[in-house]
Amino acid sequence: MRLLLRVVGTLLIALALILLIIDGTRSLAANGLVFTPLEATWTQIHAASLLGLRDFLETRLFGPLLNPVVSAILGFPGWAVVGVPGLLLAWAGRSRRERVFLRQDHI
């Protein structure tokens, strides 16, 4: 289970790094900070799935309550939305054993 958490966390961190590099490149080109919201990135990649998510939320019982939360999450930069869960998953999948380091004179 920890291996799966580490792999998924590493993949999310890699995706967040890619999105951060894209935002950094856009910031250099614009001579200012540019943070691309997740909604814009998702629309560029696959707009139909974003519309499917919105339609799915509208048909559910708690849809009206979740719609503002999802809209707020989609307004954050994509690298932050993907990177934070990636870091948490990688941290949750870390090795729990304590590492004992010996000095050379103790060997």
C-alpha atoms as a PDB file:
ATOM      1  CA  MET A   1       0.000   0.000   0.000  1.00  0.00           C
ATOM      2  CA  ARG A   2       2.825   2.381   0.816  1.00  0.00           C
ATOM      3  CA  LEU A   3       4.375   1.711  -2.563  1.00  0.00           C
ATOM      4  CA  LEU A   4       1.141   2.733  -4.288  1.00  0.00           C
ATOM      5  CA  LEU A   5       0.961   5.928  -2.218  1.00  0.00           C
ATOM      6  CA  ARG A   6       4.568   6.783  -3.087  1.00  0.00           C
ATOM      7  CA  VAL A   7       4.080   6.108  -6.802  1.00  0.00           C
ATOM      8  CA  VAL A   8       0.878   8.148  -7.060  1.00  0.00           C
ATOM      9  CA  GLY A   9       2.408  10.920  -4.944  1.00  0.00           C
ATOM     10  CA  THR A  10       5.511  11.000  -7.129  1.00  0.00           C
ATOM     11  CA  LEU A  11       3.420  11.179 -10.301  1.00  0.00           C
ATOM     12  CA  LEU A  12       1.353  14.046  -8.891  1.00  0.00           C
ATOM     13  CA  ILE A  13       4.513  15.884  -7.825  1.00  0.00           C
ATOM     14  CA  ALA A  14       5.937  15.399 -11.327  1.00  0.00           C
ATOM     15  CA  LEU A  15       2.752  16.796 -12.883  1.00  0.00           C
ATOM     16  CA  ALA A  16       2.823  19.733 -10.469  1.00  0.00           C
ATOM     17  CA  LEU A  17       6.438  20.413 -11.423  1.00  0.00           C
ATOM     18  CA  ILE A  18       5.514  20.414 -15.112  1.00  0.00           C
ATOM     19  CA  LEU A  19       2.658  22.853 -14.459  1.00  0.00           C
ATOM     20  CA  LEU A  20       4.977  25.039 -12.376  1.00  0.00           C
ATOM     21  CA  ILE A  21       7.537  25.129 -15.209  1.00  0.00           C
ATOM     22  CA  ILE A  22       4.797  26.129 -17.657  1.00  0.00           C
ATOM     23  CA  ASP A  23       3.685  28.951 -15.347  1.00  0.00           C
ATOM     24  CA  GLY A  24       7.311  30.002 -14.847  1.00  0.00           C
ATOM     25  CA  THR A  25       7.872  30.166 -18.592  1.00  0.00           C
ATOM     26  CA  ARG A  26       4.717  32.231 -19.042  1.00  0.00           C
ATOM     27  CA  SER A  27       5.856  34.514 -16.207  1.00  0.00           C
ATOM     28  CA  LEU A  28       9.199  35.087 -17.903  1.00  0.00           C
ATOM     29  CA  ALA A  29       7.481  35.895 -21.178  1.00  0.00           C
ATOM     30  CA  ALA A  30       5.050  38.314 -19.513  1.00  0.00           C
ATOM     31  CA  ASN A  31       7.665  40.004 -17.277  1.00  0.00           C
ATOM     32  CA  GLY A  32       5.435  39.343 -14.273  1.00  0.00           C
ATOM     33  CA  LEU A  33       3.948  36.555 -12.221  1.00  0.00           C
ATOM     34  CA  VAL A  34       1.443  34.417 -14.102  1.00  0.00           C
ATOM     35  CA  PHE A  35      -0.557  31.750 -12.295  1.00  0.00           C
ATOM     36  CA  THR A  36      -2.727  29.681 -14.608  1.00  0.00           C
ATOM     37  CA  PRO A  37      -5.871  28.432 -12.852  1.00  0.00           C
ATOM     38  CA  LEU A  38      -6.576  24.724 -12.932  1.00  0.00           C
ATOM     39  CA  GLU A  39      -9.791  25.387 -14.835  1.00  0.00           C
ATOM     40  CA  ALA A  40      -7.904  26.962 -17.754  1.00  0.00           C
ATOM     41  CA  THR A  41      -5.386  24.124 -17.843  1.00  0.00           C
ATOM     42  CA  TRP A  42      -8.121  21.500 -17.655  1.00  0.00           C
ATOM     43  CA  THR A  43     -10.059  23.243 -20.443  1.00  0.00           C
ATOM     44  CA  GLN A  44      -6.979  23.219 -22.666  1.00  0.00           C
ATOM     45  CA  ILE A  45      -6.342  19.521 -22.031  1.00  0.00           C
ATOM     46  CA  HIS A  46      -9.882  18.098 -22.176  1.00  0.00           C
ATOM     47  CA  ALA A  47     -12.844  20.484 -21.934  1.00  0.00           C
ATOM     48  CA  ALA A  48     -15.487  17.761 -22.227  1.00  0.00           C
ATOM     49  CA  SER A  49     -14.434  16.107 -18.959  1.00  0.00           C
ATOM     50  CA  LEU A  50     -14.675  19.431 -17.104  1.00  0.00           C
ATOM     51  CA  LEU A  51     -18.206  19.903 -18.428  1.00  0.00           C
ATOM     52  CA  GLY A  52     -18.960  16.313 -17.427  1.00  0.00           C
ATOM     53  CA  LEU A  53     -17.793  17.053 -13.883  1.00  0.00           C
ATOM     54  CA  ARG A  54     -20.009  20.116 -13.683  1.00  0.00           C
ATOM     55  CA  ASP A  55     -23.007  18.164 -15.039  1.00  0.00           C
ATOM     56  CA  PHE A  56     -22.309  15.364 -12.565  1.00  0.00           C
ATOM     57  CA  LEU A  57     -22.302  17.815  -9.641  1.00  0.00           C
ATOM     58  CA  GLU A  58     -25.549  19.457 -10.767  1.00  0.00           C
ATOM     59  CA  THR A  59     -27.420  16.134 -10.683  1.00  0.00           C
ATOM     60  CA  ARG A  60     -26.321  15.109  -7.170  1.00  0.00           C
ATOM     61  CA  LEU A  61     -27.978  15.853  -3.847  1.00  0.00           C
ATOM     62  CA  PHE A  62     -25.088  17.920  -2.500  1.00  0.00           C
ATOM     63  CA  GLY A  63     -24.292  19.461  -5.903  1.00  0.00           C
ATOM     64  CA  PRO A  64     -25.351  23.002  -4.989  1.00  0.00           C
ATOM     65  CA  LEU A  65     -23.179  22.820  -1.872  1.00  0.00           C
ATOM     66  CA  LEU A  66     -20.156  21.360  -3.693  1.00  0.00           C
ATOM     67  CA  ASN A  67     -20.334  23.680  -6.697  1.00  0.00           C
ATOM     68  CA  PRO A  68     -18.771  26.704  -4.904  1.00  0.00           C
ATOM     69  CA  VAL A  69     -16.068  24.478  -3.410  1.00  0.00           C
ATOM     70  CA  VAL A  70     -15.187  22.976  -6.800  1.00  0.00           C
ATOM     71  CA  SER A  71     -15.238  26.436  -8.399  1.00  0.00           C
ATOM     72  CA  ALA A  72     -12.839  27.711  -5.741  1.00  0.00           C
ATOM     73  CA  ILE A  73     -10.493  24.746  -6.239  1.00  0.00           C
ATOM     74  CA  LEU A  74     -10.563  25.255 -10.005  1.00  0.00           C
ATOM     75  CA  GLY A  75      -9.545  28.891  -9.452  1.00  0.00           C
ATOM     76  CA  PHE A  76      -6.283  27.976  -7.704  1.00  0.00           C
ATOM     77  CA  PRO A  77      -3.089  27.428  -9.718  1.00  0.00           C
ATOM     78  CA  GLY A  78      -2.911  23.925 -11.140  1.00  0.00           C
ATOM     79  CA  TRP A  79       0.527  23.199  -9.700  1.00  0.00           C
ATOM     80  CA  ALA A  80      -0.734  23.907  -6.178  1.00  0.00           C
ATOM     81  CA  VAL A  81      -3.907  21.832  -6.536  1.00  0.00           C
ATOM     82  CA  VAL A  82      -1.959  18.845  -7.866  1.00  0.00           C
ATOM     83  CA  GLY A  83       1.219  19.302  -5.804  1.00  0.00           C
ATOM     84  CA  VAL A  84      -0.248  19.465  -2.310  1.00  0.00           C
ATOM     85  CA  PRO A  85      -2.051  16.100  -2.534  1.00  0.00           C
ATOM     86  CA  GLY A  86       1.055  14.671  -4.196  1.00  0.00           C
ATOM     87  CA  LEU A  87       3.234  15.767  -1.295  1.00  0.00           C
ATOM     88  CA  LEU A  88       0.735  14.408   1.229  1.00  0.00           C
ATOM     89  CA  LEU A  89       0.529  11.044  -0.534  1.00  0.00           C
ATOM     90  CA  ALA A  90       4.302  10.779  -0.827  1.00  0.00           C
ATOM     91  CA  TRP A  91       4.634  11.656   2.863  1.00  0.00           C
ATOM     92  CA  ALA A  92       1.973   9.088   3.830  1.00  0.00           C
ATOM     93  CA  GLY A  93       3.793   6.402   1.859  1.00  0.00           C
ATOM     94  CA  ARG A  94       7.208   7.057   3.320  1.00  0.00           C
ATOM     95  CA  SER A  95       9.208   4.388   5.062  1.00  0.00           C
ATOM     96  CA  ARG A  96       8.389   4.320   8.766  1.00  0.00           C
ATOM     97  CA  ARG A  97      11.549   2.681  10.064  1.00  0.00           C
ATOM     98  CA  GLU A  98      14.093   4.761  11.883  1.00  0.00           C
ATOM     99  CA  ARG A  99      17.424   5.037  10.238  1.00  0.00           C
ATOM    100  CA  VAL A 100      20.421   4.683  12.505  1.00  0.00           C
ATOM    101  CA  PHE A 101      23.555   6.406  11.323  1.00  0.00           C
ATOM    102  CA  LEU A 102      26.847   5.403  12.858  1.00  0.00           C
ATOM    103  CA  ARG A 103      29.966   7.416  12.876  1.00  0.00           C
ATOM    104  CA  GLN A 104      32.967   5.838  11.301  1.00  0.00           C
ATOM    105  CA  ASP A 105      34.776   5.484  14.617  1.00  0.00           C
ATOM    106  CA  HIS A 106      31.871   3.366  16.023  1.00  0.00           C
ATOM    107  CA  ILE A 107      32.158   0.726  13.331  1.00  0.00           C
END
